N, C-alpha and C. Protein backbone atom coordinates (compact mmCIF):
# COMPACT_ATOMS: atom_id res chain seq x y z
N MET A 1 35.70 58.38 -40.42
CA MET A 1 34.73 59.83 -40.17
C MET A 1 35.59 61.01 -40.64
N ASN A 2 35.05 62.14 -41.45
CA ASN A 2 35.93 63.46 -41.14
C ASN A 2 35.11 64.45 -40.56
N ALA A 3 36.02 65.69 -40.59
CA ALA A 3 35.55 66.54 -39.64
C ALA A 3 33.77 67.33 -39.70
N VAL A 4 33.74 67.10 -41.35
CA VAL A 4 32.51 67.59 -42.14
C VAL A 4 31.26 66.65 -42.10
N GLU A 5 31.70 65.25 -42.01
CA GLU A 5 30.81 64.35 -41.60
C GLU A 5 29.98 64.60 -40.12
N ASN A 6 30.97 65.11 -39.03
CA ASN A 6 30.32 64.95 -37.94
C ASN A 6 29.43 66.00 -37.43
N ILE A 7 29.58 66.77 -38.29
CA ILE A 7 28.86 68.04 -38.25
C ILE A 7 27.20 68.04 -38.47
N ALA A 8 26.49 68.15 -37.67
CA ALA A 8 24.73 68.18 -37.88
C ALA A 8 24.23 69.41 -39.17
N TRP A 9 24.93 69.30 -39.97
CA TRP A 9 24.40 70.13 -41.06
C TRP A 9 23.32 70.40 -40.87
N GLN A 10 22.40 71.88 -41.78
CA GLN A 10 21.25 72.06 -41.46
C GLN A 10 21.13 72.82 -42.90
N VAL A 11 19.71 72.61 -43.43
CA VAL A 11 20.04 73.47 -44.76
C VAL A 11 19.52 74.75 -44.79
N LEU A 12 20.38 75.87 -45.34
CA LEU A 12 19.77 77.47 -44.93
C LEU A 12 19.21 77.84 -46.41
N CYS A 13 19.44 77.02 -47.75
CA CYS A 13 19.20 77.79 -49.19
C CYS A 13 18.97 77.00 -49.81
N ASP A 14 18.80 77.51 -51.23
CA ASP A 14 19.05 76.42 -52.13
C ASP A 14 20.11 77.35 -53.11
N LYS A 15 20.79 76.83 -53.68
CA LYS A 15 21.64 77.48 -54.59
C LYS A 15 21.16 77.95 -55.79
N ARG A 16 19.56 78.04 -55.75
CA ARG A 16 19.20 79.06 -56.89
C ARG A 16 18.85 79.97 -56.15
N ASP A 17 19.18 79.90 -54.62
CA ASP A 17 18.71 81.44 -54.14
C ASP A 17 20.32 82.14 -54.09
N LEU A 18 21.20 82.01 -54.52
CA LEU A 18 22.68 82.53 -54.79
C LEU A 18 22.61 82.99 -55.99
N ILE A 19 23.62 84.21 -55.63
CA ILE A 19 24.06 85.10 -56.98
C ILE A 19 25.46 84.96 -57.15
N GLU A 20 25.86 84.18 -58.27
CA GLU A 20 27.59 84.26 -58.47
C GLU A 20 28.15 85.56 -58.47
N HIS A 21 29.11 85.59 -57.62
CA HIS A 21 29.70 86.40 -57.64
C HIS A 21 29.38 87.68 -56.57
N SER A 22 28.61 87.46 -56.04
CA SER A 22 27.64 88.41 -55.41
C SER A 22 27.07 87.90 -53.74
N GLY A 23 26.38 88.59 -53.01
CA GLY A 23 25.72 88.39 -51.95
C GLY A 23 24.38 88.15 -52.05
N VAL A 24 23.70 87.76 -50.96
CA VAL A 24 22.07 87.71 -50.57
C VAL A 24 22.05 87.71 -49.04
N CYS A 25 20.96 87.61 -48.71
CA CYS A 25 21.00 87.77 -47.29
C CYS A 25 19.88 86.48 -46.82
N ALA A 26 20.43 85.37 -45.91
CA ALA A 26 19.46 84.76 -45.20
C ALA A 26 19.56 84.80 -43.92
N LEU A 27 18.44 84.61 -43.32
CA LEU A 27 17.64 84.28 -42.13
C LEU A 27 17.98 83.32 -41.37
N TYR A 28 19.01 82.92 -40.25
CA TYR A 28 18.88 81.42 -39.59
C TYR A 28 19.39 82.06 -38.08
N GLN A 29 18.14 80.94 -37.36
CA GLN A 29 18.84 81.12 -36.00
C GLN A 29 18.08 83.07 -35.46
N GLY A 30 16.94 83.84 -35.91
CA GLY A 30 17.47 85.12 -35.79
C GLY A 30 18.68 85.93 -35.98
N GLN A 31 19.19 85.17 -37.22
CA GLN A 31 20.67 85.79 -37.61
C GLN A 31 20.62 86.38 -38.92
N GLN A 32 20.56 87.72 -39.53
CA GLN A 32 20.99 87.42 -40.63
C GLN A 32 22.31 87.38 -40.89
N ILE A 33 22.81 86.44 -42.26
CA ILE A 33 23.42 85.93 -42.78
C ILE A 33 23.69 86.52 -44.15
N ALA A 34 24.77 87.01 -44.13
CA ALA A 34 25.47 87.75 -45.81
C ALA A 34 26.20 86.24 -46.68
N LEU A 35 25.31 85.73 -47.33
CA LEU A 35 26.30 84.70 -48.27
C LEU A 35 26.43 85.23 -49.57
N PHE A 36 27.77 84.38 -50.00
CA PHE A 36 28.75 84.80 -50.63
C PHE A 36 28.78 83.64 -51.95
N TYR A 37 28.50 83.63 -53.28
CA TYR A 37 28.64 82.30 -54.11
C TYR A 37 29.58 83.27 -54.86
N LEU A 38 30.88 82.23 -54.71
CA LEU A 38 32.02 82.82 -55.67
C LEU A 38 32.55 81.10 -56.26
N PRO A 39 31.96 80.88 -57.52
CA PRO A 39 32.00 79.55 -57.54
C PRO A 39 33.19 79.39 -58.04
N ASP A 40 34.44 80.03 -58.52
CA ASP A 40 35.70 79.99 -58.84
C ASP A 40 36.73 79.76 -57.22
N GLU A 41 36.05 79.80 -56.47
CA GLU A 41 37.06 79.64 -55.21
C GLU A 41 36.60 78.37 -54.69
N SER A 42 37.69 78.03 -53.85
CA SER A 42 37.15 76.73 -52.79
C SER A 42 37.53 77.39 -51.33
N PRO A 43 36.59 77.05 -50.55
CA PRO A 43 34.95 76.64 -50.79
C PRO A 43 34.29 77.69 -51.84
N GLN A 44 32.89 77.30 -52.28
CA GLN A 44 32.35 78.56 -53.03
C GLN A 44 31.75 78.93 -52.67
N VAL A 45 30.90 78.87 -51.04
CA VAL A 45 30.37 79.43 -50.52
C VAL A 45 30.88 80.12 -48.97
N TYR A 46 30.32 81.55 -48.98
CA TYR A 46 30.91 82.06 -47.02
C TYR A 46 30.19 82.39 -46.81
N GLY A 47 29.51 82.68 -45.40
CA GLY A 47 28.90 82.91 -44.85
C GLY A 47 29.20 84.16 -43.54
N ILE A 48 29.27 85.34 -43.39
CA ILE A 48 29.72 86.12 -42.11
C ILE A 48 27.68 87.20 -41.62
N GLY A 49 28.39 87.67 -41.07
CA GLY A 49 27.05 88.35 -40.19
C GLY A 49 26.94 89.56 -40.98
N ASN A 50 25.83 90.12 -41.25
CA ASN A 50 25.10 91.17 -42.09
C ASN A 50 25.19 92.18 -41.85
N TRP A 51 25.49 92.33 -40.54
CA TRP A 51 25.87 93.44 -39.84
C TRP A 51 27.02 94.26 -39.92
N ASP A 52 26.89 95.64 -40.34
CA ASP A 52 28.32 96.30 -40.48
C ASP A 52 28.12 96.86 -38.86
N PRO A 53 29.33 96.43 -38.28
CA PRO A 53 29.36 96.59 -37.21
C PRO A 53 29.92 98.52 -36.98
N ILE A 54 30.83 99.48 -38.69
CA ILE A 54 30.52 100.47 -38.51
C ILE A 54 29.56 101.29 -38.77
N GLY A 55 28.58 100.64 -39.83
CA GLY A 55 27.69 101.62 -40.75
C GLY A 55 26.64 101.71 -39.83
N LYS A 56 26.25 100.64 -39.22
CA LYS A 56 25.26 100.08 -37.81
C LYS A 56 24.20 99.85 -38.83
N ALA A 57 24.64 98.56 -39.69
CA ALA A 57 22.71 98.40 -40.69
C ALA A 57 23.25 97.24 -41.05
N ASN A 58 22.54 96.44 -41.30
CA ASN A 58 22.48 95.16 -42.12
C ASN A 58 22.69 95.29 -43.59
N VAL A 59 23.73 94.95 -44.14
CA VAL A 59 23.92 95.73 -45.49
C VAL A 59 25.05 95.00 -46.32
N LEU A 60 25.75 94.32 -45.66
CA LEU A 60 27.01 93.60 -45.76
C LEU A 60 26.88 92.52 -47.60
N SER A 61 25.40 91.83 -47.21
CA SER A 61 25.02 91.10 -47.98
C SER A 61 25.07 92.00 -49.80
N ARG A 62 24.94 93.01 -49.17
CA ARG A 62 24.95 94.32 -50.58
C ARG A 62 26.32 94.82 -51.06
N GLY A 63 27.50 93.95 -50.45
CA GLY A 63 28.82 94.93 -50.55
C GLY A 63 29.02 93.86 -51.90
N ILE A 64 30.08 94.73 -52.43
CA ILE A 64 31.07 94.05 -53.50
C ILE A 64 32.10 93.50 -53.32
N VAL A 65 32.29 91.96 -53.58
CA VAL A 65 33.07 91.01 -53.55
C VAL A 65 34.46 91.32 -54.19
N GLY A 66 35.29 90.65 -53.41
CA GLY A 66 36.70 91.04 -54.81
C GLY A 66 38.17 90.60 -53.55
N ASP A 67 38.55 90.95 -53.92
CA ASP A 67 39.97 90.14 -53.50
C ASP A 67 40.85 91.80 -53.17
N PHE A 68 41.50 91.84 -51.88
CA PHE A 68 42.49 92.86 -51.42
C PHE A 68 43.63 92.08 -50.79
N ASP A 69 44.88 92.88 -51.57
CA ASP A 69 45.98 92.06 -50.88
C ASP A 69 45.96 90.49 -51.04
N GLY A 70 45.01 89.92 -51.60
CA GLY A 70 45.15 88.31 -51.32
C GLY A 70 43.96 87.65 -50.23
N GLN A 71 43.23 88.40 -49.83
CA GLN A 71 42.64 88.01 -49.11
C GLN A 71 40.74 88.25 -49.62
N LEU A 72 40.09 87.63 -49.74
CA LEU A 72 38.67 87.52 -50.44
C LEU A 72 37.80 88.34 -49.40
N VAL A 73 37.21 89.25 -49.95
CA VAL A 73 36.56 90.35 -48.98
C VAL A 73 35.28 90.89 -49.32
N VAL A 74 34.94 91.15 -48.73
CA VAL A 74 33.40 92.18 -49.35
C VAL A 74 33.28 94.02 -48.67
N ALA A 75 33.76 94.83 -49.86
CA ALA A 75 33.69 95.77 -49.54
C ALA A 75 31.78 96.84 -48.63
N SER A 76 31.99 97.01 -47.42
CA SER A 76 30.46 97.38 -47.03
C SER A 76 30.73 98.30 -48.42
N PRO A 77 28.82 98.13 -48.59
CA PRO A 77 28.58 99.60 -49.06
C PRO A 77 27.81 100.75 -48.89
N LEU A 78 28.27 100.84 -47.18
CA LEU A 78 28.13 102.40 -46.65
C LEU A 78 29.45 102.85 -46.32
N TYR A 79 30.48 102.48 -45.64
CA TYR A 79 31.47 103.08 -45.91
C TYR A 79 32.73 102.57 -46.81
N LYS A 80 32.67 101.45 -47.23
CA LYS A 80 33.85 100.85 -48.21
C LYS A 80 34.49 100.22 -47.16
N GLN A 81 34.40 99.87 -45.68
CA GLN A 81 35.25 98.79 -45.18
C GLN A 81 35.07 97.45 -45.64
N HIS A 82 36.50 96.70 -45.72
CA HIS A 82 36.48 95.64 -46.29
C HIS A 82 36.51 94.41 -45.07
N PHE A 83 35.83 93.90 -45.24
CA PHE A 83 35.76 92.33 -44.22
C PHE A 83 35.90 91.30 -45.29
N ASN A 84 37.03 90.66 -44.32
CA ASN A 84 37.64 89.32 -44.94
C ASN A 84 36.39 88.26 -45.20
N LEU A 85 35.90 87.43 -45.94
CA LEU A 85 34.92 87.01 -46.12
C LEU A 85 35.46 85.05 -45.01
N VAL A 86 36.68 84.68 -45.19
CA VAL A 86 37.16 83.62 -44.38
C VAL A 86 37.29 84.04 -42.91
N THR A 87 37.64 84.94 -42.09
CA THR A 87 38.23 85.46 -41.06
C THR A 87 36.99 86.58 -40.39
N GLY A 88 36.19 87.21 -40.67
CA GLY A 88 35.41 88.49 -40.63
C GLY A 88 36.33 89.38 -40.15
N GLU A 89 37.45 89.70 -40.18
CA GLU A 89 38.26 90.36 -39.93
C GLU A 89 38.05 91.83 -40.84
N CYS A 90 37.73 93.33 -40.27
CA CYS A 90 37.79 94.60 -40.79
C CYS A 90 39.32 94.54 -41.18
N LEU A 91 39.60 94.98 -42.86
CA LEU A 91 41.19 95.35 -43.05
C LEU A 91 41.74 96.31 -42.47
N GLU A 92 40.48 97.67 -42.67
CA GLU A 92 41.08 99.08 -41.91
C GLU A 92 40.84 99.34 -40.50
N ASP A 93 39.83 98.42 -39.91
CA ASP A 93 40.02 98.71 -38.59
C ASP A 93 40.39 97.39 -38.06
N SER A 94 41.23 96.80 -37.12
CA SER A 94 41.37 95.58 -36.60
C SER A 94 41.00 94.88 -35.44
N GLU A 95 40.01 96.60 -34.79
CA GLU A 95 38.81 96.07 -33.76
C GLU A 95 37.59 95.81 -33.73
N GLN A 96 37.33 95.74 -35.32
CA GLN A 96 36.11 96.08 -35.73
C GLN A 96 36.10 94.01 -36.55
N SER A 97 35.15 93.54 -36.39
CA SER A 97 34.52 92.28 -37.14
C SER A 97 33.27 91.78 -37.27
N VAL A 98 33.34 91.10 -37.70
CA VAL A 98 31.90 90.26 -37.90
C VAL A 98 32.11 88.30 -37.66
N PRO A 99 30.42 88.17 -37.12
CA PRO A 99 30.61 86.68 -37.21
C PRO A 99 31.68 86.17 -38.29
N VAL A 100 31.44 84.70 -38.57
CA VAL A 100 31.73 83.97 -39.59
C VAL A 100 31.15 82.61 -39.36
N TYR A 101 30.29 82.15 -40.71
CA TYR A 101 29.78 81.08 -40.38
C TYR A 101 30.04 79.95 -41.24
N THR A 102 30.20 78.76 -40.89
CA THR A 102 30.33 77.60 -41.52
C THR A 102 29.69 77.11 -42.88
N LEU A 103 29.78 76.93 -43.79
CA LEU A 103 28.81 76.94 -45.24
C LEU A 103 29.71 75.55 -45.67
N LEU A 104 28.42 74.92 -46.29
CA LEU A 104 28.67 73.97 -47.14
C LEU A 104 28.07 73.96 -48.64
N LEU A 105 28.38 73.56 -49.55
CA LEU A 105 27.37 73.53 -50.76
C LEU A 105 27.54 72.19 -50.93
N ASP A 106 26.52 71.36 -50.96
CA ASP A 106 25.95 69.90 -51.19
C ASP A 106 24.94 69.96 -52.53
N ASP A 107 25.19 69.71 -53.62
CA ASP A 107 24.37 69.42 -54.86
C ASP A 107 23.77 70.99 -55.23
N GLU A 108 22.77 70.94 -54.54
CA GLU A 108 21.60 72.09 -54.61
C GLU A 108 21.20 72.99 -53.47
N GLN A 109 21.65 72.45 -52.14
CA GLN A 109 21.67 72.89 -51.46
C GLN A 109 22.82 73.61 -50.27
N VAL A 110 22.37 74.77 -49.58
CA VAL A 110 24.02 75.38 -49.03
C VAL A 110 22.92 74.85 -47.32
N LEU A 111 24.27 74.22 -47.11
CA LEU A 111 24.32 73.95 -45.64
C LEU A 111 24.86 74.78 -44.91
N ILE A 112 24.39 74.82 -43.52
CA ILE A 112 25.10 75.49 -41.97
C ILE A 112 25.45 74.44 -41.13
N ALA A 113 26.56 74.66 -40.50
CA ALA A 113 26.77 74.45 -38.85
C ALA A 113 26.09 75.17 -38.13
N PRO A 114 25.54 74.47 -37.46
CA PRO A 114 24.85 74.93 -36.22
C PRO A 114 25.81 75.61 -35.29
N PHE A 115 25.00 76.91 -34.85
CA PHE A 115 26.03 77.54 -33.75
C PHE A 115 25.58 77.69 -32.51
């Protein structure tokens, strides 16, 4: 059994809820999670906290996704800081970060590892 099989995955949403190359917001255990569906990447789904710690609002799911110096990022729609989709780190301010969630795209469902 590999590590992925040992996780008690839970359904977060359906694949049809996602928008290619963009973000949506999902609520899980009282937390807003910004989900990004990047079908050309591996993995294809990324999840970070939706709360922008600099702009002080739940807006990261509305940001623009892209590549910044070889890193997958979302640019906050408020002040344009870039948050790494893999690590949650803010590229412009190393003291700021957002939580990262472990997601899996399984056929037509997006699964989340419980936290």
